[in-house]
Amino acid sequence: TKGKERYIAEKDDIMCAVRDVKTTVRASEFHSHHVVAVD
């Protein structure tokens, strides 16, 4: 959820965290994601 917009990331999709607005990521059941981040 980015502001008023929602996006769904499913298996094998890539999520790109461009945090131009407050961002919330949630899952209501079991999930696994592989994540890397840089400054």
PDB file of all heavy atoms in Angstrom:
ATOM      1  N   THR A   1       0.854  -1.189   0.000  1.00  0.00           N
ATOM      2  CA  THR A   1       0.000   0.000   0.000  1.00  0.00           C
ATOM      3  C   THR A   1       0.887   1.235   0.000  1.00  0.00           C
ATOM      4  O   THR A   1       1.710   1.426   0.893  1.00  0.00           O
ATOM      5  CB  THR A   1      -0.913   0.029   1.236  1.00  0.00           C
ATOM      6  OG1 THR A   1      -1.714  -1.156   1.255  1.00  0.00           O
ATOM      7  CG2 THR A   1      -1.832   1.245   1.196  1.00  0.00           C
ATOM      8  N   LYS A   2       0.730   2.062  -1.032  1.00  0.00           N
ATOM      9  CA  LYS A   2       1.489   3.314  -1.148  1.00  0.00           C
ATOM     10  C   LYS A   2       0.479   4.452  -1.224  1.00  0.00           C
ATOM     11  O   LYS A   2      -0.174   4.629  -2.251  1.00  0.00           O
ATOM     12  CB  LYS A   2       2.378   3.299  -2.389  1.00  0.00           C
ATOM     13  CG  LYS A   2       3.402   2.169  -2.392  1.00  0.00           C
ATOM     14  CD  LYS A   2       4.260   2.189  -3.634  1.00  0.00           C
ATOM     15  CE  LYS A   2       5.198   3.364  -3.686  1.00  0.00           C
ATOM     16  NZ  LYS A   2       6.247   3.331  -2.660  1.00  0.00           N
ATOM     17  N   GLY A   3       0.342   5.191  -0.108  1.00  0.00           N
ATOM     18  CA  GLY A   3      -0.697   6.211  -0.072  1.00  0.00           C
ATOM     19  C   GLY A   3      -2.055   5.554  -0.204  1.00  0.00           C
ATOM     20  O   GLY A   3      -2.421   4.680   0.585  1.00  0.00           O
ATOM     21  N   LYS A   4      -2.810   5.922  -1.249  1.00  0.00           N
ATOM     22  CA  LYS A   4      -4.131   5.340  -1.486  1.00  0.00           C
ATOM     23  C   LYS A   4      -4.090   4.207  -2.502  1.00  0.00           C
ATOM     24  O   LYS A   4      -5.125   3.614  -2.804  1.00  0.00           O
ATOM     25  CB  LYS A   4      -5.088   6.428  -1.970  1.00  0.00           C
ATOM     26  CG  LYS A   4      -5.375   7.516  -0.931  1.00  0.00           C
ATOM     27  CD  LYS A   4      -6.387   8.514  -1.458  1.00  0.00           C
ATOM     28  CE  LYS A   4      -6.695   9.580  -0.414  1.00  0.00           C
ATOM     29  NZ  LYS A   4      -7.682  10.570  -0.905  1.00  0.00           N
ATOM     30  N   GLU A   5      -2.912   3.887  -3.011  1.00  0.00           N
ATOM     31  CA  GLU A   5      -2.792   2.848  -4.026  1.00  0.00           C
ATOM     32  C   GLU A   5      -2.389   1.522  -3.407  1.00  0.00           C
ATOM     33  O   GLU A   5      -1.616   1.484  -2.442  1.00  0.00           O
ATOM     34  CB  GLU A   5      -1.757   3.249  -5.076  1.00  0.00           C
ATOM     35  CG  GLU A   5      -2.082   4.527  -5.819  1.00  0.00           C
ATOM     36  CD  GLU A   5      -3.313   4.402  -6.686  1.00  0.00           C
ATOM     37  OE1 GLU A   5      -3.614   3.274  -7.121  1.00  0.00           O
ATOM     38  OE2 GLU A   5      -3.993   5.423  -6.918  1.00  0.00           O
ATOM     39  N   ARG A   6      -2.896   0.420  -3.969  1.00  0.00           N
ATOM     40  CA  ARG A   6      -2.517  -0.920  -3.527  1.00  0.00           C
ATOM     41  C   ARG A   6      -1.981  -1.719  -4.699  1.00  0.00           C
ATOM     42  O   ARG A   6      -2.489  -1.623  -5.814  1.00  0.00           O
ATOM     43  CB  ARG A   6      -3.724  -1.663  -2.940  1.00  0.00           C
ATOM     44  CG  ARG A   6      -4.205  -1.139  -1.596  1.00  0.00           C
ATOM     45  CD  ARG A   6      -5.087  -2.199  -0.943  1.00  0.00           C
ATOM     46  NE  ARG A   6      -5.774  -1.671   0.212  1.00  0.00           N
ATOM     47  CZ  ARG A   6      -7.074  -1.411   0.254  1.00  0.00           C
ATOM     48  NH1 ARG A   6      -7.806  -1.626  -0.812  1.00  0.00           N
ATOM     49  NH2 ARG A   6      -7.635  -0.946   1.345  1.00  0.00           N
ATOM     50  N   TYR A   7      -0.947  -2.514  -4.428  1.00  0.00           N
ATOM     51  CA  TYR A   7      -0.347  -3.382  -5.434  1.00  0.00           C
ATOM     52  C   TYR A   7      -0.218  -4.773  -4.820  1.00  0.00           C
ATOM     53  O   TYR A   7       0.097  -4.913  -3.639  1.00  0.00           O
ATOM     54  CB  TYR A   7       1.032  -2.871  -5.850  1.00  0.00           C
ATOM     55  CG  TYR A   7       1.019  -1.463  -6.388  1.00  0.00           C
ATOM     56  CD1 TYR A   7       1.071  -0.368  -5.517  1.00  0.00           C
ATOM     57  CD2 TYR A   7       0.934  -1.218  -7.753  1.00  0.00           C
ATOM     58  CE1 TYR A   7       1.039   0.932  -5.997  1.00  0.00           C
ATOM     59  CE2 TYR A   7       0.905   0.085  -8.246  1.00  0.00           C
ATOM     60  CZ  TYR A   7       0.959   1.147  -7.361  1.00  0.00           C
ATOM     61  OH  TYR A   7       0.930   2.434  -7.844  1.00  0.00           O
ATOM     62  N   ILE A   8      -0.449  -5.806  -5.631  1.00  0.00           N
ATOM     63  CA  ILE A   8      -0.339  -7.181  -5.160  1.00  0.00           C
ATOM     64  C   ILE A   8       0.917  -7.812  -5.764  1.00  0.00           C
ATOM     65  O   ILE A   8       1.114  -7.808  -6.975  1.00  0.00           O
ATOM     66  CB  ILE A   8      -1.572  -8.011  -5.557  1.00  0.00           C
ATOM     67  CG1 ILE A   8      -2.847  -7.378  -4.984  1.00  0.00           C
ATOM     68  CG2 ILE A   8      -1.418  -9.444  -5.066  1.00  0.00           C
ATOM     69  CD1 ILE A   8      -2.888  -7.318  -3.480  1.00  0.00           C
ATOM     70  N   ALA A   9       1.786  -8.336  -4.909  1.00  0.00           N
ATOM     71  CA  ALA A   9       2.981  -9.061  -5.354  1.00  0.00           C
ATOM     72  C   ALA A   9       2.774 -10.545  -5.055  1.00  0.00           C
ATOM     73  O   ALA A   9       2.615 -10.934  -3.900  1.00  0.00           O
ATOM     74  CB  ALA A   9       4.226  -8.540  -4.640  1.00  0.00           C
ATOM     75  N   GLU A  10       2.770 -11.357  -6.096  1.00  0.00           N
ATOM     76  CA  GLU A  10       2.554 -12.790  -5.953  1.00  0.00           C
ATOM     77  C   GLU A  10       3.869 -13.539  -6.194  1.00  0.00           C
ATOM     78  O   GLU A  10       4.909 -12.922  -6.423  1.00  0.00           O
ATOM     79  CB  GLU A  10       1.465 -13.246  -6.936  1.00  0.00           C
ATOM     80  CG  GLU A  10       0.132 -12.558  -6.691  1.00  0.00           C
ATOM     81  CD  GLU A  10      -0.925 -12.904  -7.720  1.00  0.00           C
ATOM     82  OE1 GLU A  10      -0.705 -12.575  -8.900  1.00  0.00           O
ATOM     83  OE2 GLU A  10      -1.945 -13.488  -7.353  1.00  0.00           O
ATOM     84  N   LYS A  11       3.816 -14.856  -6.118  1.00  0.00           N
ATOM     85  CA  LYS A  11       5.028 -15.663  -6.238  1.00  0.00           C
ATOM     86  C   LYS A  11       5.805 -15.321  -7.511  1.00  0.00           C
ATOM     87  O   LYS A  11       5.227 -15.251  -8.596  1.00  0.00           O
ATOM     88  CB  LYS A  11       4.688 -17.156  -6.223  1.00  0.00           C
ATOM     89  CG  LYS A  11       5.922 -18.052  -6.215  1.00  0.00           C
ATOM     90  CD  LYS A  11       5.547 -19.515  -6.081  1.00  0.00           C
ATOM     91  CE  LYS A  11       6.810 -20.381  -6.075  1.00  0.00           C
ATOM     92  NZ  LYS A  11       6.502 -21.815  -5.951  1.00  0.00           N
ATOM     93  N   ASP A  12       7.113 -15.087  -7.344  1.00  0.00           N
ATOM     94  CA  ASP A  12       8.059 -14.776  -8.416  1.00  0.00           C
ATOM     95  C   ASP A  12       7.969 -13.342  -8.930  1.00  0.00           C
ATOM     96  O   ASP A  12       8.705 -12.966  -9.852  1.00  0.00           O
ATOM     97  CB  ASP A  12       7.931 -15.755  -9.597  1.00  0.00           C
ATOM     98  CG  ASP A  12       8.294 -17.176  -9.208  1.00  0.00           C
ATOM     99  OD1 ASP A  12       9.154 -17.335  -8.320  1.00  0.00           O
ATOM    100  OD2 ASP A  12       7.724 -18.120  -9.783  1.00  0.00           O
ATOM    101  N   ASP A  13       7.080 -12.520  -8.369  1.00  0.00           N
ATOM    102  CA  ASP A  13       7.061 -11.100  -8.716  1.00  0.00           C
ATOM    103  C   ASP A  13       8.190 -10.379  -7.976  1.00  0.00           C
ATOM    104  O   ASP A  13       8.601 -10.792  -6.888  1.00  0.00           O
ATOM    105  CB  ASP A  13       5.732 -10.457  -8.325  1.00  0.00           C
ATOM    106  CG  ASP A  13       4.557 -10.942  -9.158  1.00  0.00           C
ATOM    107  OD1 ASP A  13       4.805 -11.567 -10.203  1.00  0.00           O
ATOM    108  OD2 ASP A  13       3.405 -10.694  -8.757  1.00  0.00           O
ATOM    109  N   ILE A  14       8.668  -9.282  -8.554  1.00  0.00           N
ATOM    110  CA  ILE A  14       9.721  -8.465  -7.952  1.00  0.00           C
ATOM    111  C   ILE A  14       9.092  -7.206  -7.359  1.00  0.00           C
ATOM    112  O   ILE A  14       8.320  -6.521  -8.029  1.00  0.00           O
ATOM    113  CB  ILE A  14      10.785  -8.048  -8.987  1.00  0.00           C
ATOM    114  CG1 ILE A  14      11.301  -9.263  -9.766  1.00  0.00           C
ATOM    115  CG2 ILE A  14      11.925  -7.296  -8.297  1.00  0.00           C
ATOM    116  CD1 ILE A  14      12.050 -10.274  -8.948  1.00  0.00           C
ATOM    117  N   MET A  15       9.405  -6.910  -6.096  1.00  0.00           N
ATOM    118  CA  MET A  15       8.945  -5.672  -5.459  1.00  0.00           C
ATOM    119  C   MET A  15      10.095  -4.679  -5.418  1.00  0.00           C
ATOM    120  O   MET A  15      11.215  -5.033  -5.039  1.00  0.00           O
ATOM    121  CB  MET A  15       8.453  -5.947  -4.039  1.00  0.00           C
ATOM    122  CG  MET A  15       7.263  -6.881  -3.957  1.00  0.00           C
ATOM    123  SD  MET A  15       6.653  -7.025  -2.258  1.00  0.00           S
ATOM    124  CE  MET A  15       8.087  -7.728  -1.441  1.00  0.00           C
ATOM    125  N   CYS A  16       9.823  -3.447  -5.809  1.00  0.00           N
ATOM    126  CA  CYS A  16      10.826  -2.392  -5.817  1.00  0.00           C
ATOM    127  C   CYS A  16      10.386  -1.304  -4.834  1.00  0.00           C
ATOM    128  O   CYS A  16       9.392  -0.635  -5.067  1.00  0.00           O
ATOM    129  CB  CYS A  16      10.983  -1.802  -7.213  1.00  0.00           C
ATOM    130  SG  CYS A  16      11.291  -3.030  -8.510  1.00  0.00           S
ATOM    131  N   ALA A  17      11.136  -1.164  -3.759  1.00  0.00           N
ATOM    132  CA  ALA A  17      10.753  -0.218  -2.707  1.00  0.00           C
ATOM    133  C   ALA A  17      11.300   1.165  -3.025  1.00  0.00           C
ATOM    134  O   ALA A  17      12.397   1.536  -2.622  1.00  0.00           O
ATOM    135  CB  ALA A  17      11.251  -0.693  -1.347  1.00  0.00           C
ATOM    136  N   VAL A  18      10.536   1.911  -3.821  1.00  0.00           N
ATOM    137  CA  VAL A  18      10.814   3.327  -4.065  1.00  0.00           C
ATOM    138  C   VAL A  18       9.903   4.091  -3.120  1.00  0.00           C
ATOM    139  O   VAL A  18       8.716   4.260  -3.373  1.00  0.00           O
ATOM    140  CB  VAL A  18      10.531   3.706  -5.531  1.00  0.00           C
ATOM    141  CG1 VAL A  18      10.814   5.182  -5.768  1.00  0.00           C
ATOM    142  CG2 VAL A  18      11.366   2.841  -6.473  1.00  0.00           C
ATOM    143  N   ARG A  19      10.431   4.521  -1.991  1.00  0.00           N
ATOM    144  CA  ARG A  19       9.593   5.053  -0.917  1.00  0.00           C
ATOM    145  C   ARG A  19       9.366   6.547  -1.066  1.00  0.00           C
ATOM    146  O   ARG A  19       9.875   7.365  -0.311  1.00  0.00           O
ATOM    147  CB  ARG A  19      10.211   4.714   0.433  1.00  0.00           C
ATOM    148  CG  ARG A  19      10.253   3.200   0.656  1.00  0.00           C
ATOM    149  CD  ARG A  19      10.984   2.826   1.910  1.00  0.00           C
ATOM    150  NE  ARG A  19      11.142   1.376   1.984  1.00  0.00           N
ATOM    151  CZ  ARG A  19      12.134   0.770   2.602  1.00  0.00           C
ATOM    152  NH1 ARG A  19      13.057   1.491   3.212  1.00  0.00           N
ATOM    153  NH2 ARG A  19      12.220  -0.542   2.616  1.00  0.00           N
ATOM    154  N   ASP A  20       8.585   6.899  -2.099  1.00  0.00           N
ATOM    155  CA  ASP A  20       8.260   8.301  -2.310  1.00  0.00           C
ATOM    156  C   ASP A  20       7.136   8.758  -1.394  1.00  0.00           C
ATOM    157  O   ASP A  20       6.979   9.955  -1.135  1.00  0.00           O
ATOM    158  CB  ASP A  20       7.882   8.542  -3.769  1.00  0.00           C
ATOM    159  CG  ASP A  20       6.860   7.544  -4.289  1.00  0.00           C
ATOM    160  OD1 ASP A  20       6.959   6.351  -3.935  1.00  0.00           O
ATOM    161  OD2 ASP A  20       5.975   7.937  -5.056  1.00  0.00           O
ATOM    162  N   VAL A  21       6.335   7.812  -0.896  1.00  0.00           N
ATOM    163  CA  VAL A  21       5.282   8.095   0.081  1.00  0.00           C
ATOM    164  C   VAL A  21       5.332   7.000   1.142  1.00  0.00           C
ATOM    165  O   VAL A  21       6.042   6.005   0.979  1.00  0.00           O
ATOM    166  CB  VAL A  21       3.872   8.121  -0.576  1.00  0.00           C
ATOM    167  CG1 VAL A  21       3.765   9.231  -1.604  1.00  0.00           C
ATOM    168  CG2 VAL A  21       3.553   6.765  -1.225  1.00  0.00           C
ATOM    169  N   LYS A  22       4.590   7.182   2.230  1.00  0.00           N
ATOM    170  CA  LYS A  22       4.555   6.146   3.262  1.00  0.00           C
ATOM    171  C   LYS A  22       4.072   4.846   2.639  1.00  0.00           C
ATOM    172  O   LYS A  22       3.070   4.811   1.932  1.00  0.00           O
ATOM    173  CB  LYS A  22       3.646   6.551   4.415  1.00  0.00           C
ATOM    174  CG  LYS A  22       3.657   5.537   5.566  1.00  0.00           C
ATOM    175  CD  LYS A  22       2.882   6.030   6.766  1.00  0.00           C
ATOM    176  CE  LYS A  22       2.957   5.000   7.903  1.00  0.00           C
ATOM    177  NZ  LYS A  22       2.254   5.473   9.113  1.00  0.00           N
ATOM    178  N   THR A  23       4.798   3.770   2.920  1.00  0.00           N
ATOM    179  CA  THR A  23       4.525   2.475   2.300  1.00  0.00           C
ATOM    180  C   THR A  23       4.307   1.417   3.373  1.00  0.00           C
ATOM    181  O   THR A  23       5.074   1.341   4.335  1.00  0.00           O
ATOM    182  CB  THR A  23       5.697   2.053   1.397  1.00  0.00           C
ATOM    183  OG1 THR A  23       5.923   3.061   0.408  1.00  0.00           O
ATOM    184  CG2 THR A  23       5.405   0.735   0.708  1.00  0.00           C
ATOM    185  N   THR A  24       3.258   0.610   3.200  1.00  0.00           N
ATOM    186  CA  THR A  24       2.993  -0.499   4.114  1.00  0.00           C
ATOM    187  C   THR A  24       2.958  -1.802   3.320  1.00  0.00           C
ATOM    188  O   THR A  24       2.314  -1.876   2.270  1.00  0.00           O
ATOM    189  CB  THR A  24       1.656  -0.315   4.851  1.00  0.00           C
ATOM    190  OG1 THR A  24       1.697   0.903   5.602  1.00  0.00           O
ATOM    191  CG2 THR A  24       1.391  -1.477   5.804  1.00  0.00           C
ATOM    192  N   VAL A  25       3.661  -2.796   3.818  1.00  0.00           N
ATOM    193  CA  VAL A  25       3.680  -4.126   3.192  1.00  0.00           C
ATOM    194  C   VAL A  25       3.079  -5.105   4.181  1.00  0.00           C
ATOM    195  O   VAL A  25       3.466  -5.131   5.350  1.00  0.00           O
ATOM    196  CB  VAL A  25       5.116  -4.553   2.831  1.00  0.00           C
ATOM    197  CG1 VAL A  25       5.105  -5.919   2.147  1.00  0.00           C
ATOM    198  CG2 VAL A  25       5.780  -3.512   1.942  1.00  0.00           C
ATOM    199  N   ARG A  26       2.107  -5.913   3.725  1.00  0.00           N
ATOM    200  CA  ARG A  26       1.466  -6.841   4.654  1.00  0.00           C
ATOM    201  C   ARG A  26       1.109  -8.153   3.974  1.00  0.00           C
ATOM    202  O   ARG A  26       0.951  -8.230   2.752  1.00  0.00           O
ATOM    203  CB  ARG A  26       0.209  -6.209   5.261  1.00  0.00           C
ATOM    204  CG  ARG A  26      -0.872  -5.825   4.269  1.00  0.00           C
ATOM    205  CD  ARG A  26      -2.180  -5.473   5.009  1.00  0.00           C
ATOM    206  NE  ARG A  26      -1.975  -4.433   5.988  1.00  0.00           N
ATOM    207  CZ  ARG A  26      -2.109  -3.125   5.741  1.00  0.00           C
ATOM    208  NH1 ARG A  26      -2.419  -2.729   4.518  1.00  0.00           N
ATOM    209  NH2 ARG A  26      -1.928  -2.231   6.693  1.00  0.00           N
ATOM    210  N   ALA A  27       1.007  -9.191   4.805  1.00  0.00           N
ATOM    211  CA  ALA A  27       0.529 -10.500   4.370  1.00  0.00           C
ATOM    212  C   ALA A  27      -0.336 -11.049   5.491  1.00  0.00           C
ATOM    213  O   ALA A  27       0.013 -10.922   6.667  1.00  0.00           O
ATOM    214  CB  ALA A  27       1.680 -11.444   4.074  1.00  0.00           C
ATOM    215  N   SER A  28      -1.457 -11.655   5.154  1.00  0.00           N
ATOM    216  CA  SER A  28      -2.361 -12.190   6.173  1.00  0.00           C
ATOM    217  C   SER A  28      -2.269 -13.703   6.294  1.00  0.00           C
ATOM    218  O   SER A  28      -3.014 -14.316   7.047  1.00  0.00           O
ATOM    219  CB  SER A  28      -3.809 -11.780   5.855  1.00  0.00           C
ATOM    220  OG  SER A  28      -4.181 -12.219   4.570  1.00  0.00           O
ATOM    221  N   GLU A  29      -1.344 -14.317   5.547  1.00  0.00           N
ATOM    222  CA  GLU A  29      -1.098 -15.752   5.662  1.00  0.00           C
ATOM    223  C   GLU A  29       0.375 -15.999   5.390  1.00  0.00           C
ATOM    224  O   GLU A  29       1.132 -15.063   5.115  1.00  0.00           O
ATOM    225  CB  GLU A  29      -1.965 -16.535   4.664  1.00  0.00           C
ATOM    226  CG  GLU A  29      -1.710 -16.169   3.226  1.00  0.00           C
ATOM    227  CD  GLU A  29      -2.603 -16.919   2.263  1.00  0.00           C
ATOM    228  OE1 GLU A  29      -3.537 -17.603   2.734  1.00  0.00           O
ATOM    229  OE2 GLU A  29      -2.369 -16.847   1.056  1.00  0.00           O
ATOM    230  N   PHE A  30       0.811 -17.257   5.484  1.00  0.00           N
ATOM    231  CA  PHE A  30       2.235 -17.551   5.337  1.00  0.00           C
ATOM    232  C   PHE A  30       2.774 -17.034   4.005  1.00  0.00           C
ATOM    233  O   PHE A  30       2.164 -17.198   2.953  1.00  0.00           O
ATOM    234  CB  PHE A  30       2.506 -19.054   5.430  1.00  0.00           C
ATOM    235  CG  PHE A  30       3.970 -19.378   5.232  1.00  0.00           C
ATOM    236  CD1 PHE A  30       4.865 -19.236   6.287  1.00  0.00           C
ATOM    237  CD2 PHE A  30       4.448 -19.772   3.987  1.00  0.00           C
ATOM    238  CE1 PHE A  30       6.226 -19.507   6.103  1.00  0.00           C
ATOM    239  CE2 PHE A  30       5.796 -20.045   3.797  1.00  0.00           C
ATOM    240  CZ  PHE A  30       6.683 -19.909   4.870  1.00  0.00           C
ATOM    241  N   HIS A  31       3.960 -16.418   4.087  1.00  0.00           N
ATOM    242  CA  HIS A  31       4.640 -15.975   2.887  1.00  0.00           C
ATOM    243  C   HIS A  31       6.144 -15.992   3.145  1.00  0.00           C
ATOM    244  O   HIS A  31       6.605 -16.062   4.285  1.00  0.00           O
ATOM    245  CB  HIS A  31       4.213 -14.550   2.503  1.00  0.00           C
ATOM    246  CG  HIS A  31       5.041 -13.505   3.163  1.00  0.00           C
ATOM    247  ND1 HIS A  31       4.910 -13.194   4.502  1.00  0.00           N
ATOM    248  CD2 HIS A  31       6.070 -12.742   2.691  1.00  0.00           C
ATOM    249  CE1 HIS A  31       5.801 -12.273   4.817  1.00  0.00           C
ATOM    250  NE2 HIS A  31       6.519 -11.979   3.750  1.00  0.00           N
ATOM    251  N   SER A  32       6.891 -15.901   2.068  1.00  0.00           N
ATOM    252  CA  SER A  32       8.346 -15.779   2.166  1.00  0.00           C
ATOM    253  C   SER A  32       8.812 -14.813   1.082  1.00  0.00           C
ATOM    254  O   SER A  32       8.346 -14.886  -0.066  1.00  0.00           O
ATOM    255  CB  SER A  32       9.010 -17.148   1.960  1.00  0.00           C
ATOM    256  OG  SER A  32      10.424 -17.023   1.912  1.00  0.00           O
ATOM    257  N   HIS A  33       9.698 -13.887   1.467  1.00  0.00           N
ATOM    258  CA  HIS A  33      10.274 -13.018   0.436  1.00  0.00           C
ATOM    259  C   HIS A  33      11.768 -12.837   0.670  1.00  0.00           C
ATOM    260  O   HIS A  33      12.237 -12.833   1.800  1.00  0.00           O
ATOM    261  CB  HIS A  33       9.552 -11.666   0.352  1.00  0.00           C
ATOM    262  CG  HIS A  33       9.714 -10.766   1.542  1.00  0.00           C
ATOM    263  ND1 HIS A  33       8.921 -10.851   2.668  1.00  0.00           N
ATOM    264  CD2 HIS A  33      10.567  -9.735   1.767  1.00  0.00           C
ATOM    265  CE1 HIS A  33       9.275  -9.918   3.540  1.00  0.00           C
ATOM    266  NE2 HIS A  33      10.281  -9.225   3.020  1.00  0.00           N
ATOM    267  N   HIS A  34      12.510 -12.708  -0.429  1.00  0.00           N
ATOM    268  CA  HIS A  34      13.958 -12.535  -0.414  1.00  0.00           C
ATOM    269  C   HIS A  34      14.235 -11.063  -0.695  1.00  0.00           C
ATOM    270  O   HIS A  34      13.798 -10.539  -1.720  1.00  0.00           O
ATOM    271  CB  HIS A  34      14.620 -13.394  -1.491  1.00  0.00           C
ATOM    272  CG  HIS A  34      14.392 -14.868  -1.309  1.00  0.00           C
ATOM    273  ND1 HIS A  34      15.343 -15.821  -1.620  1.00  0.00           N
ATOM    274  CD2 HIS A  34      13.314 -15.571  -0.857  1.00  0.00           C
ATOM    275  CE1 HIS A  34      14.869 -17.023  -1.362  1.00  0.00           C
ATOM    276  NE2 HIS A  34      13.633 -16.896  -0.905  1.00  0.00           N
ATOM    277  N   VAL A  35      14.976 -10.404   0.188  1.00  0.00           N
ATOM    278  CA  VAL A  35      15.103  -8.954   0.096  1.00  0.00           C
ATOM    279  C   VAL A  35      16.549  -8.499   0.232  1.00  0.00           C
ATOM    280  O   VAL A  35      17.317  -9.046   1.025  1.00  0.00           O
ATOM    281  CB  VAL A  35      14.206  -8.266   1.167  1.00  0.00           C
ATOM    282  CG1 VAL A  35      14.566  -8.745   2.561  1.00  0.00           C
ATOM    283  CG2 VAL A  35      14.315  -6.749   1.088  1.00  0.00           C
ATOM    284  N   VAL A  36      16.913  -7.494  -0.582  1.00  0.00           N
ATOM    285  CA  VAL A  36      18.215  -6.836  -0.467  1.00  0.00           C
ATOM    286  C   VAL A  36      17.985  -5.330  -0.490  1.00  0.00           C
ATOM    287  O   VAL A  36      17.054  -4.840  -1.138  1.00  0.00           O
ATOM    288  CB  VAL A  36      19.174  -7.234  -1.612  1.00  0.00           C
ATOM    289  CG1 VAL A  36      19.475  -8.721  -1.560  1.00  0.00           C
ATOM    290  CG2 VAL A  36      18.615  -6.853  -2.976  1.00  0.00           C
ATOM    291  N   ALA A  37      18.810  -4.603   0.247  1.00  0.00           N
ATOM    292  CA  ALA A  37      18.662  -3.146   0.307  1.00  0.00           C
ATOM    293  C   ALA A  37      20.020  -2.489   0.401  1.00  0.00           C
ATOM    294  O   ALA A  37      20.976  -3.066   0.933  1.00  0.00           O
ATOM    295  CB  ALA A  37      17.797  -2.748   1.507  1.00  0.00           C
ATOM    296  N   VAL A  38      20.104  -1.256  -0.118  1.00  0.00           N
ATOM    297  CA  VAL A  38      21.341  -0.487  -0.048  1.00  0.00           C
ATOM    298  C   VAL A  38      21.035   0.937   0.407  1.00  0.00           C
ATOM    299  O   VAL A  38      19.918   1.444   0.231  1.00  0.00           O
ATOM    300  CB  VAL A  38      22.059  -0.418  -1.417  1.00  0.00           C
ATOM    301  CG1 VAL A  38      22.525  -1.785  -1.852  1.00  0.00           C
ATOM    302  CG2 VAL A  38      21.176   0.239  -2.471  1.00  0.00           C
ATOM    303  N   ASP A  39      22.032   1.563   1.004  1.00  0.00           N
ATOM    304  CA  ASP A  39      21.990   3.002   1.254  1.00  0.00           C
ATOM    305  C   ASP A  39      22.526   3.686   0.002  1.00  0.00           C
ATOM    306  O   ASP A  39      23.568   3.304  -0.540  1.00  0.00           O
ATOM    307  CB  ASP A  39      22.870   3.366   2.450  1.00  0.00           C
ATOM    308  CG  ASP A  39      22.270   2.885   3.766  1.00  0.00           C
ATOM    309  OD1 ASP A  39      21.071   3.116   3.987  1.00  0.00           O
ATOM    310  OD2 ASP A  39      23.017   2.271   4.560  1.00  0.00           O
TER     311      ASP A  39
END
